[in-house]
Amino acid sequence: MRNRSGSVVYSDRLNEVKLPILLLAAASDLQRPPDCVSETFHELGSADKRFLRAGVAEGFSVDFGHDDLLAGKAFPNEIFPIITDWLEERSRACWRSHND
């Protein structure tokens, strides 16, 4: 992917991403296969990053597909809590760092 003018190739700059990041890969995603998401994950420059493949082999009830991560039947009980916990952990850490 490039910017509109074509002068910036975003994948060449993944190491500049320093923010905390949670990458979820759907085991049965044909648009963004887990191996591709994993490659992106390894290129990110963040010290606080987590990669999770959402599939049966990882203990989920289904092999999630692309849209299932946000709209599938198993999302509310299996994916949403992971996102919530991840955000709460960072929120607590941020709060502590500002109040020490």
N, C-alpha and C. Protein backbone atom coordinates (compact mmCIF):
# COMPACT_ATOMS: atom_id res chain seq x y z
N MET A 1 0.83 -1.18 0.00
CA MET A 1 0.00 0.00 0.00
C MET A 1 0.88 1.24 0.00
N ARG A 2 0.44 2.20 -0.79
CA ARG A 2 1.16 3.46 -0.91
C ARG A 2 0.23 4.63 -0.58
N ASN A 3 0.84 5.77 -0.29
CA ASN A 3 0.02 6.96 -0.14
C ASN A 3 -0.47 7.41 -1.51
N ARG A 4 -1.30 8.40 -1.54
CA ARG A 4 -1.94 8.82 -2.79
C ARG A 4 -0.94 9.19 -3.88
N SER A 5 0.14 9.87 -3.51
CA SER A 5 1.12 10.27 -4.51
C SER A 5 2.05 9.13 -4.90
N GLY A 6 2.05 8.06 -4.13
CA GLY A 6 2.93 6.92 -4.41
C GLY A 6 4.31 7.06 -3.81
N SER A 7 4.55 8.14 -3.10
CA SER A 7 5.90 8.39 -2.56
C SER A 7 6.21 7.63 -1.28
N VAL A 8 5.19 7.14 -0.60
CA VAL A 8 5.39 6.40 0.65
C VAL A 8 4.83 5.00 0.51
N VAL A 9 5.67 4.01 0.75
CA VAL A 9 5.24 2.61 0.80
C VAL A 9 5.12 2.26 2.28
N TYR A 10 3.90 2.10 2.73
CA TYR A 10 3.66 1.92 4.16
C TYR A 10 4.36 0.68 4.73
N SER A 11 4.39 -0.39 3.99
CA SER A 11 5.03 -1.61 4.50
C SER A 11 6.53 -1.43 4.72
N ASP A 12 7.13 -0.45 4.05
CA ASP A 12 8.56 -0.18 4.26
C ASP A 12 8.81 0.59 5.54
N ARG A 13 7.73 1.06 6.18
CA ARG A 13 7.89 1.91 7.36
C ARG A 13 7.26 1.30 8.61
N LEU A 14 6.98 0.02 8.58
CA LEU A 14 6.34 -0.62 9.73
C LEU A 14 7.20 -0.53 10.99
N ASN A 15 8.51 -0.50 10.83
CA ASN A 15 9.40 -0.41 11.98
C ASN A 15 9.24 0.92 12.72
N GLU A 16 8.61 1.90 12.09
CA GLU A 16 8.38 3.20 12.72
C GLU A 16 7.17 3.19 13.64
N VAL A 17 6.37 2.15 13.58
CA VAL A 17 5.19 2.05 14.44
C VAL A 17 5.67 1.67 15.84
N LYS A 18 5.48 2.58 16.79
CA LYS A 18 5.96 2.38 18.16
C LYS A 18 4.83 2.26 19.18
N LEU A 19 3.60 2.48 18.75
CA LEU A 19 2.45 2.39 19.65
C LEU A 19 2.15 0.94 20.01
N PRO A 20 1.52 0.71 21.16
CA PRO A 20 1.07 -0.64 21.48
C PRO A 20 0.12 -1.13 20.39
N ILE A 21 0.22 -2.40 20.07
CA ILE A 21 -0.64 -2.93 18.99
C ILE A 21 -1.01 -4.38 19.27
N LEU A 22 -2.26 -4.67 18.99
CA LEU A 22 -2.81 -6.03 19.07
C LEU A 22 -3.24 -6.41 17.67
N LEU A 23 -2.63 -7.44 17.12
CA LEU A 23 -3.01 -7.91 15.79
C LEU A 23 -3.70 -9.26 15.93
N LEU A 24 -4.92 -9.32 15.44
CA LEU A 24 -5.68 -10.56 15.44
C LEU A 24 -5.76 -11.07 14.02
N ALA A 25 -5.40 -12.31 13.84
CA ALA A 25 -5.47 -12.94 12.51
C ALA A 25 -6.52 -14.03 12.56
N ALA A 26 -7.42 -13.99 11.61
CA ALA A 26 -8.46 -15.01 11.51
C ALA A 26 -7.88 -16.23 10.80
N ALA A 27 -8.00 -17.38 11.43
CA ALA A 27 -7.40 -18.61 10.91
C ALA A 27 -7.84 -18.93 9.48
N SER A 28 -9.08 -18.60 9.14
CA SER A 28 -9.60 -18.91 7.80
C SER A 28 -9.77 -17.66 6.93
N ASP A 29 -9.01 -16.64 7.22
CA ASP A 29 -9.11 -15.39 6.45
C ASP A 29 -8.42 -15.55 5.11
N LEU A 30 -9.17 -15.42 4.03
CA LEU A 30 -8.61 -15.53 2.69
C LEU A 30 -8.13 -14.18 2.16
N GLN A 31 -8.61 -13.08 2.77
CA GLN A 31 -8.19 -11.75 2.34
C GLN A 31 -6.86 -11.35 2.97
N ARG A 32 -6.71 -11.63 4.25
CA ARG A 32 -5.48 -11.35 5.00
C ARG A 32 -5.09 -12.62 5.76
N PRO A 33 -4.47 -13.56 5.09
CA PRO A 33 -4.12 -14.83 5.74
C PRO A 33 -3.22 -14.63 6.97
N PRO A 34 -3.37 -15.49 7.96
CA PRO A 34 -2.59 -15.35 9.19
C PRO A 34 -1.09 -15.23 8.97
N ASP A 35 -0.53 -15.95 8.01
CA ASP A 35 0.91 -15.85 7.77
C ASP A 35 1.31 -14.44 7.34
N CYS A 36 0.46 -13.79 6.56
CA CYS A 36 0.74 -12.41 6.13
C CYS A 36 0.63 -11.44 7.30
N VAL A 37 -0.36 -11.65 8.15
CA VAL A 37 -0.53 -10.80 9.33
C VAL A 37 0.67 -10.99 10.26
N SER A 38 1.12 -12.22 10.39
CA SER A 38 2.29 -12.51 11.23
C SER A 38 3.54 -11.82 10.69
N GLU A 39 3.72 -11.81 9.39
CA GLU A 39 4.86 -11.11 8.79
C GLU A 39 4.82 -9.62 9.12
N THR A 40 3.64 -9.04 9.01
CA THR A 40 3.47 -7.63 9.37
C THR A 40 3.81 -7.41 10.84
N PHE A 41 3.31 -8.28 11.69
CA PHE A 41 3.57 -8.19 13.13
C PHE A 41 5.07 -8.13 13.43
N HIS A 42 5.82 -8.99 12.80
CA HIS A 42 7.26 -9.06 13.07
C HIS A 42 8.01 -7.82 12.58
N GLU A 43 7.46 -7.12 11.62
CA GLU A 43 8.09 -5.91 11.10
C GLU A 43 7.80 -4.67 11.93
N LEU A 44 6.76 -4.71 12.76
CA LEU A 44 6.38 -3.55 13.56
C LEU A 44 7.45 -3.22 14.57
N GLY A 45 7.67 -1.93 14.81
CA GLY A 45 8.71 -1.49 15.72
C GLY A 45 8.28 -1.37 17.16
N SER A 46 7.05 -1.63 17.47
CA SER A 46 6.55 -1.49 18.84
C SER A 46 7.17 -2.52 19.77
N ALA A 47 7.51 -2.06 20.97
CA ALA A 47 7.99 -2.99 22.00
C ALA A 47 6.81 -3.69 22.67
N ASP A 48 5.63 -3.12 22.55
CA ASP A 48 4.41 -3.68 23.15
C ASP A 48 3.49 -4.11 22.02
N LYS A 49 3.66 -5.34 21.60
CA LYS A 49 2.84 -5.85 20.52
C LYS A 49 2.46 -7.30 20.81
N ARG A 50 1.27 -7.66 20.35
CA ARG A 50 0.78 -9.03 20.56
C ARG A 50 0.11 -9.50 19.28
N PHE A 51 0.39 -10.73 18.92
CA PHE A 51 -0.21 -11.37 17.76
C PHE A 51 -1.02 -12.56 18.24
N LEU A 52 -2.23 -12.69 17.72
CA LEU A 52 -3.08 -13.80 18.09
C LEU A 52 -3.79 -14.32 16.85
N ARG A 53 -3.63 -15.61 16.60
CA ARG A 53 -4.33 -16.29 15.51
C ARG A 53 -5.60 -16.87 16.10
N ALA A 54 -6.75 -16.53 15.53
CA ALA A 54 -8.04 -16.95 16.07
C ALA A 54 -8.55 -18.16 15.30
N GLY A 55 -8.27 -19.33 15.86
CA GLY A 55 -8.69 -20.57 15.23
C GLY A 55 -8.81 -21.70 16.22
N VAL A 56 -9.33 -22.80 15.76
CA VAL A 56 -9.53 -23.99 16.59
C VAL A 56 -8.22 -24.47 17.20
N ALA A 57 -7.15 -24.44 16.43
CA ALA A 57 -5.85 -24.91 16.93
C ALA A 57 -5.35 -24.09 18.12
N GLU A 58 -5.85 -22.85 18.24
CA GLU A 58 -5.45 -21.97 19.34
C GLU A 58 -6.46 -21.98 20.48
N GLY A 59 -7.46 -22.86 20.40
CA GLY A 59 -8.43 -23.00 21.47
C GLY A 59 -9.75 -22.28 21.26
N PHE A 60 -9.94 -21.69 20.11
CA PHE A 60 -11.21 -21.03 19.82
C PHE A 60 -12.22 -22.07 19.34
N SER A 61 -13.49 -21.70 19.39
CA SER A 61 -14.54 -22.65 19.01
C SER A 61 -14.65 -22.84 17.51
N VAL A 62 -14.14 -21.89 16.74
CA VAL A 62 -14.21 -21.93 15.27
C VAL A 62 -12.92 -21.39 14.68
N ASP A 63 -12.71 -21.69 13.41
CA ASP A 63 -11.67 -21.02 12.66
C ASP A 63 -12.30 -19.74 12.10
N PHE A 64 -11.98 -18.63 12.71
CA PHE A 64 -12.57 -17.36 12.32
C PHE A 64 -12.20 -17.01 10.89
N GLY A 65 -13.12 -16.33 10.21
CA GLY A 65 -12.87 -15.78 8.89
C GLY A 65 -12.67 -14.27 9.01
N HIS A 66 -12.44 -13.62 7.90
CA HIS A 66 -12.13 -12.19 7.87
C HIS A 66 -13.15 -11.35 8.63
N ASP A 67 -14.40 -11.46 8.29
CA ASP A 67 -15.44 -10.65 8.94
C ASP A 67 -15.83 -11.18 10.32
N ASP A 68 -15.54 -12.42 10.59
CA ASP A 68 -15.92 -13.03 11.87
C ASP A 68 -15.25 -12.36 13.06
N LEU A 69 -14.09 -11.76 12.85
CA LEU A 69 -13.38 -11.15 13.97
C LEU A 69 -14.16 -10.00 14.59
N LEU A 70 -15.02 -9.37 13.83
CA LEU A 70 -15.83 -8.26 14.36
C LEU A 70 -17.33 -8.49 14.27
N ALA A 71 -17.76 -9.45 13.48
CA ALA A 71 -19.20 -9.61 13.28
C ALA A 71 -19.67 -11.06 13.36
N GLY A 72 -18.79 -11.98 13.67
CA GLY A 72 -19.18 -13.38 13.71
C GLY A 72 -19.94 -13.74 14.98
N LYS A 73 -20.59 -14.87 14.94
CA LYS A 73 -21.38 -15.32 16.10
C LYS A 73 -20.52 -15.54 17.35
N ALA A 74 -19.28 -15.95 17.17
CA ALA A 74 -18.41 -16.22 18.32
C ALA A 74 -17.67 -14.96 18.80
N PHE A 75 -17.75 -13.88 18.05
CA PHE A 75 -17.03 -12.65 18.42
C PHE A 75 -17.34 -12.16 19.83
N PRO A 76 -18.63 -12.02 20.20
CA PRO A 76 -18.91 -11.43 21.52
C PRO A 76 -18.29 -12.19 22.69
N ASN A 77 -18.25 -13.51 22.59
CA ASN A 77 -17.76 -14.31 23.71
C ASN A 77 -16.28 -14.66 23.63
N GLU A 78 -15.70 -14.61 22.43
CA GLU A 78 -14.32 -15.07 22.29
C GLU A 78 -13.32 -13.99 21.89
N ILE A 79 -13.72 -13.08 21.04
CA ILE A 79 -12.79 -12.06 20.56
C ILE A 79 -12.91 -10.77 21.37
N PHE A 80 -14.13 -10.32 21.60
CA PHE A 80 -14.34 -9.08 22.33
C PHE A 80 -13.64 -9.06 23.68
N PRO A 81 -13.71 -10.14 24.48
CA PRO A 81 -13.01 -10.12 25.77
C PRO A 81 -11.49 -9.97 25.63
N ILE A 82 -10.91 -10.52 24.59
CA ILE A 82 -9.47 -10.38 24.37
C ILE A 82 -9.12 -8.91 24.10
N ILE A 83 -9.91 -8.28 23.26
CA ILE A 83 -9.67 -6.87 22.95
C ILE A 83 -9.88 -6.01 24.20
N THR A 84 -10.95 -6.27 24.92
CA THR A 84 -11.24 -5.52 26.14
C THR A 84 -10.12 -5.66 27.16
N ASP A 85 -9.67 -6.88 27.41
CA ASP A 85 -8.59 -7.12 28.37
C ASP A 85 -7.31 -6.40 27.95
N TRP A 86 -7.00 -6.48 26.67
CA TRP A 86 -5.78 -5.83 26.15
C TRP A 86 -5.84 -4.32 26.37
N LEU A 87 -6.99 -3.72 26.06
CA LEU A 87 -7.15 -2.27 26.25
C LEU A 87 -7.12 -1.90 27.73
N GLU A 88 -7.75 -2.69 28.57
CA GLU A 88 -7.76 -2.40 30.01
C GLU A 88 -6.36 -2.48 30.61
N GLU A 89 -5.57 -3.46 30.18
CA GLU A 89 -4.20 -3.58 30.67
C GLU A 89 -3.39 -2.32 30.35
N ARG A 90 -3.53 -1.82 29.14
CA ARG A 90 -2.78 -0.63 28.75
C ARG A 90 -3.33 0.61 29.42
N SER A 91 -4.63 0.64 29.63
CA SER A 91 -5.23 1.77 30.33
C SER A 91 -4.73 1.85 31.76
N ARG A 92 -4.68 0.71 32.45
CA ARG A 92 -4.16 0.68 33.83
C ARG A 92 -2.70 1.10 33.86
N ALA A 93 -1.90 0.60 32.94
CA ALA A 93 -0.48 0.94 32.90
C ALA A 93 -0.30 2.44 32.65
N CYS A 94 -1.09 3.00 31.76
CA CYS A 94 -1.02 4.43 31.46
C CYS A 94 -1.42 5.24 32.68
N TRP A 95 -2.48 4.82 33.34
CA TRP A 95 -2.94 5.53 34.53
C TRP A 95 -1.87 5.51 35.61
N ARG A 96 -1.25 4.33 35.82
CA ARG A 96 -0.20 4.21 36.83
C ARG A 96 0.98 5.11 36.50
N SER A 97 1.39 5.13 35.25
CA SER A 97 2.56 5.93 34.87
C SER A 97 2.31 7.42 35.04
N HIS A 98 1.06 7.86 34.90
CA HIS A 98 0.74 9.27 35.06
C HIS A 98 0.49 9.66 36.51
N ASN A 99 0.32 8.67 37.37
CA ASN A 99 0.01 8.95 38.77
C ASN A 99 1.11 8.52 39.74
N ASP A 100 2.24 8.16 39.21
CA ASP A 100 3.38 7.78 40.08
C ASP A 100 4.19 9.00 40.46
